[in-house]
Amino acid sequence: MSIKNIKDRLKKTSKKDTSWIEKAKYRKQNKAWLDISFAIAVKIMSVLKQNKVDNKFPKSQKELAEVLNCSPQNVNSLLSGKENFKLETITKIEQILNITLIQVPTFEFETTIQIKQEKYKFQTEPIKKIELETTITNYNDLIDLYENKIESPSNHSKLMA
């Protein structure tokens, strides 16, 4: 059998592997979160390694799996750097290892809001800007003020949209 015949036979019977193209496309499309996932995995593994040196719990993937109440295979998958972490999982790991994996910006809002003041039952003033003389400490307080569940410091002011 000649070399040409062998080459032709191989071309006819061999399967083309194009799965690497799909994997490359996937990595390119998901690069942003894959990079973050990899960084999180490296951080977790380095803390586990340091825990092993310091003889602190958890010091292995198996011990981390026990605390997370999942299988060691699941932890291994998380630490592959290719897993799309849930916020719930990240939070649990942060609490268990006493580390920060991601930082979430805090919610801030302006203290100047528009209100409509009612002087009399049937007579109202037009909308104007004023500054409230109170501190709204969280989002729920702002919603309560908006829905008139709580009063602002000025006489029966109501928050308007």
Protein backbone atom coordinates (compact mmCIF):
# COMPACT_ATOMS: atom_id res chain seq x y z
CA MET A 1 0.00 0.00 0.00
CA SER A 2 1.44 3.34 -0.98
CA ILE A 3 1.70 6.41 1.25
CA LYS A 4 -0.84 8.22 -0.91
CA ASN A 5 -3.38 5.43 -0.41
CA ILE A 6 -2.77 5.45 3.34
CA LYS A 7 -3.28 9.23 3.49
CA ASP A 8 -6.48 9.00 1.46
CA ARG A 9 -7.79 6.20 3.64
CA LEU A 10 -7.01 8.17 6.81
CA LYS A 11 -8.77 11.26 5.46
CA LYS A 12 -11.88 9.23 4.68
CA THR A 13 -12.07 7.36 7.99
CA SER A 14 -10.81 9.95 10.49
CA LYS A 15 -13.15 12.24 12.35
CA LYS A 16 -12.44 15.92 12.52
CA ASP A 17 -12.27 17.20 16.09
CA THR A 18 -13.88 20.63 16.13
CA SER A 19 -14.83 20.62 19.81
CA TRP A 20 -11.78 22.76 20.61
CA ILE A 21 -13.25 25.52 18.42
CA GLU A 22 -16.47 25.53 20.45
CA LYS A 23 -14.49 25.60 23.71
CA ALA A 24 -12.40 28.50 22.46
CA LYS A 25 -15.53 30.44 21.44
CA TYR A 26 -17.06 29.77 24.86
CA ARG A 27 -13.91 31.00 26.66
CA LYS A 28 -13.84 34.13 24.52
CA GLN A 29 -17.54 34.93 25.08
CA ASN A 30 -17.31 34.33 28.85
CA LYS A 31 -13.83 35.69 29.51
CA ALA A 32 -14.91 38.32 32.06
CA TRP A 33 -16.62 36.00 34.53
CA LEU A 34 -14.21 33.11 33.86
CA ASP A 35 -11.30 35.36 34.89
CA ILE A 36 -13.12 36.32 38.09
CA SER A 37 -14.04 32.68 38.77
CA PHE A 38 -10.41 31.68 38.34
CA ALA A 39 -9.23 34.43 40.72
CA ILE A 40 -11.79 33.32 43.33
CA ALA A 41 -10.68 29.69 42.99
CA VAL A 42 -7.01 30.66 43.43
CA LYS A 43 -7.86 32.72 46.53
CA ILE A 44 -9.82 29.84 48.09
CA MET A 45 -7.04 27.34 47.36
CA SER A 46 -4.39 29.64 48.82
CA VAL A 47 -6.43 30.08 52.02
CA LEU A 48 -6.90 26.31 52.29
CA LYS A 49 -3.15 25.86 51.85
CA GLN A 50 -2.44 28.46 54.55
CA ASN A 51 -4.97 26.79 56.84
CA LYS A 52 -3.11 23.52 56.36
CA VAL A 53 0.16 25.20 57.40
CA ASP A 54 -1.55 26.85 60.39
CA ASN A 55 -3.49 23.65 61.19
CA LYS A 56 -6.82 25.54 60.98
CA PHE A 57 -10.17 24.17 59.85
CA PRO A 58 -10.98 23.77 56.98
CA LYS A 59 -7.62 22.85 55.51
CA SER A 60 -8.68 20.69 52.58
CA GLN A 61 -11.26 20.57 49.82
CA LYS A 62 -12.86 17.62 51.58
CA GLU A 63 -13.29 19.57 54.84
CA LEU A 64 -14.61 22.58 52.92
CA ALA A 65 -17.13 20.28 51.22
CA GLU A 66 -18.30 19.00 54.62
CA VAL A 67 -18.92 22.54 55.89
CA LEU A 68 -20.63 23.59 52.63
CA ASN A 69 -22.75 20.42 52.86
CA CYS A 70 -21.84 19.29 49.35
CA SER A 71 -19.67 16.63 47.76
CA PRO A 72 -15.87 16.95 47.42
CA GLN A 73 -16.42 16.64 43.65
CA ASN A 74 -18.60 19.75 43.76
CA VAL A 75 -15.87 21.69 45.60
CA ASN A 76 -13.30 20.41 43.12
CA SER A 77 -15.53 21.69 40.30
CA LEU A 78 -15.85 25.08 42.03
CA LEU A 79 -12.09 25.29 42.38
CA SER A 80 -11.45 24.43 38.74
CA GLY A 81 -11.79 28.12 37.90
CA LYS A 82 -14.48 27.41 35.32
CA GLU A 83 -17.52 27.46 37.58
CA ASN A 84 -20.08 30.28 37.52
CA PHE A 85 -20.36 30.87 41.27
CA LYS A 86 -23.70 31.74 42.86
CA LEU A 87 -23.69 34.65 45.29
CA GLU A 88 -24.99 32.23 47.92
CA THR A 89 -21.94 29.99 47.47
CA ILE A 90 -19.50 32.90 47.53
CA THR A 91 -21.08 34.24 50.73
CA LYS A 92 -20.93 30.84 52.45
CA ILE A 93 -17.27 30.40 51.51
CA GLU A 94 -16.44 33.93 52.69
CA GLN A 95 -18.03 33.19 56.06
CA ILE A 96 -16.40 29.79 56.46
CA LEU A 97 -12.89 30.95 55.51
CA ASN A 98 -13.30 34.44 57.03
CA ILE A 99 -12.17 36.14 53.81
CA THR A 100 -13.55 38.58 51.25
CA LEU A 101 -13.88 37.20 47.74
CA ILE A 102 -15.95 39.96 46.16
CA GLN A 103 -16.75 43.49 47.21
CA VAL A 104 -20.22 44.84 46.56
CA PRO A 105 -20.78 48.60 46.41
CA THR A 106 -23.11 50.00 49.05
CA PHE A 107 -26.37 51.66 48.11
CA GLU A 108 -26.31 55.43 48.45
CA PHE A 109 -29.00 57.96 47.61
CA GLU A 110 -29.30 61.71 47.66
CA THR A 111 -30.83 63.39 50.70
CA THR A 112 -32.53 66.03 48.57
CA ILE A 113 -35.89 64.77 47.35
CA GLN A 114 -39.03 66.36 45.96
CA ILE A 115 -42.03 66.55 48.23
CA LYS A 116 -45.49 68.04 48.05
CA GLN A 117 -46.64 69.79 51.20
CA GLU A 118 -50.26 69.95 52.25
CA LYS A 119 -51.10 73.06 54.32
CA TYR A 120 -54.86 72.51 54.39
CA LYS A 121 -57.01 69.58 53.62
CA PHE A 122 -58.09 70.85 50.17
CA GLN A 123 -55.40 73.39 49.32
CA THR A 124 -51.88 72.31 48.25
CA GLU A 125 -48.68 74.06 47.22
CA PRO A 126 -46.81 73.18 44.03
CA ILE A 127 -43.95 70.71 44.11
CA LYS A 128 -40.67 72.22 45.28
CA LYS A 129 -37.28 70.95 46.37
CA ILE A 130 -36.40 70.92 50.05
CA GLU A 131 -33.86 69.08 52.14
CA LEU A 132 -35.17 66.75 54.79
CA GLU A 133 -33.89 67.27 58.31
CA THR A 134 -33.78 63.56 58.98
CA THR A 135 -31.49 60.69 58.22
CA ILE A 136 -32.89 57.86 56.17
CA THR A 137 -30.73 54.94 57.19
CA ASN A 138 -31.86 52.33 54.72
CA TYR A 139 -33.82 51.73 51.57
CA ASN A 140 -36.91 50.51 53.47
CA ASP A 141 -37.15 53.84 55.35
CA LEU A 142 -37.11 55.66 52.01
CA ILE A 143 -39.88 53.42 50.67
CA ASP A 144 -41.92 53.92 53.87
CA LEU A 145 -41.54 57.70 53.52
CA TYR A 146 -42.60 57.45 49.88
CA GLU A 147 -45.66 55.37 50.76
CA ASN A 148 -46.52 57.83 53.57
CA LYS A 149 -46.11 55.19 56.27
CA ILE A 150 -43.85 57.54 58.23
CA GLU A 151 -43.89 61.32 58.43
CA SER A 152 -41.00 63.57 57.56
CA PRO A 153 -39.94 66.25 60.08
CA SER A 154 -41.74 69.12 58.28
CA ASN A 155 -45.47 69.41 58.86
CA HIS A 156 -47.17 66.39 57.29
CA SER A 157 -44.93 66.35 54.22
CA LYS A 158 -45.54 63.61 51.72
CA LEU A 159 -42.92 62.24 49.37
CA MET A 160 -44.01 62.43 45.75
CA ALA A 161 -42.65 60.57 42.73
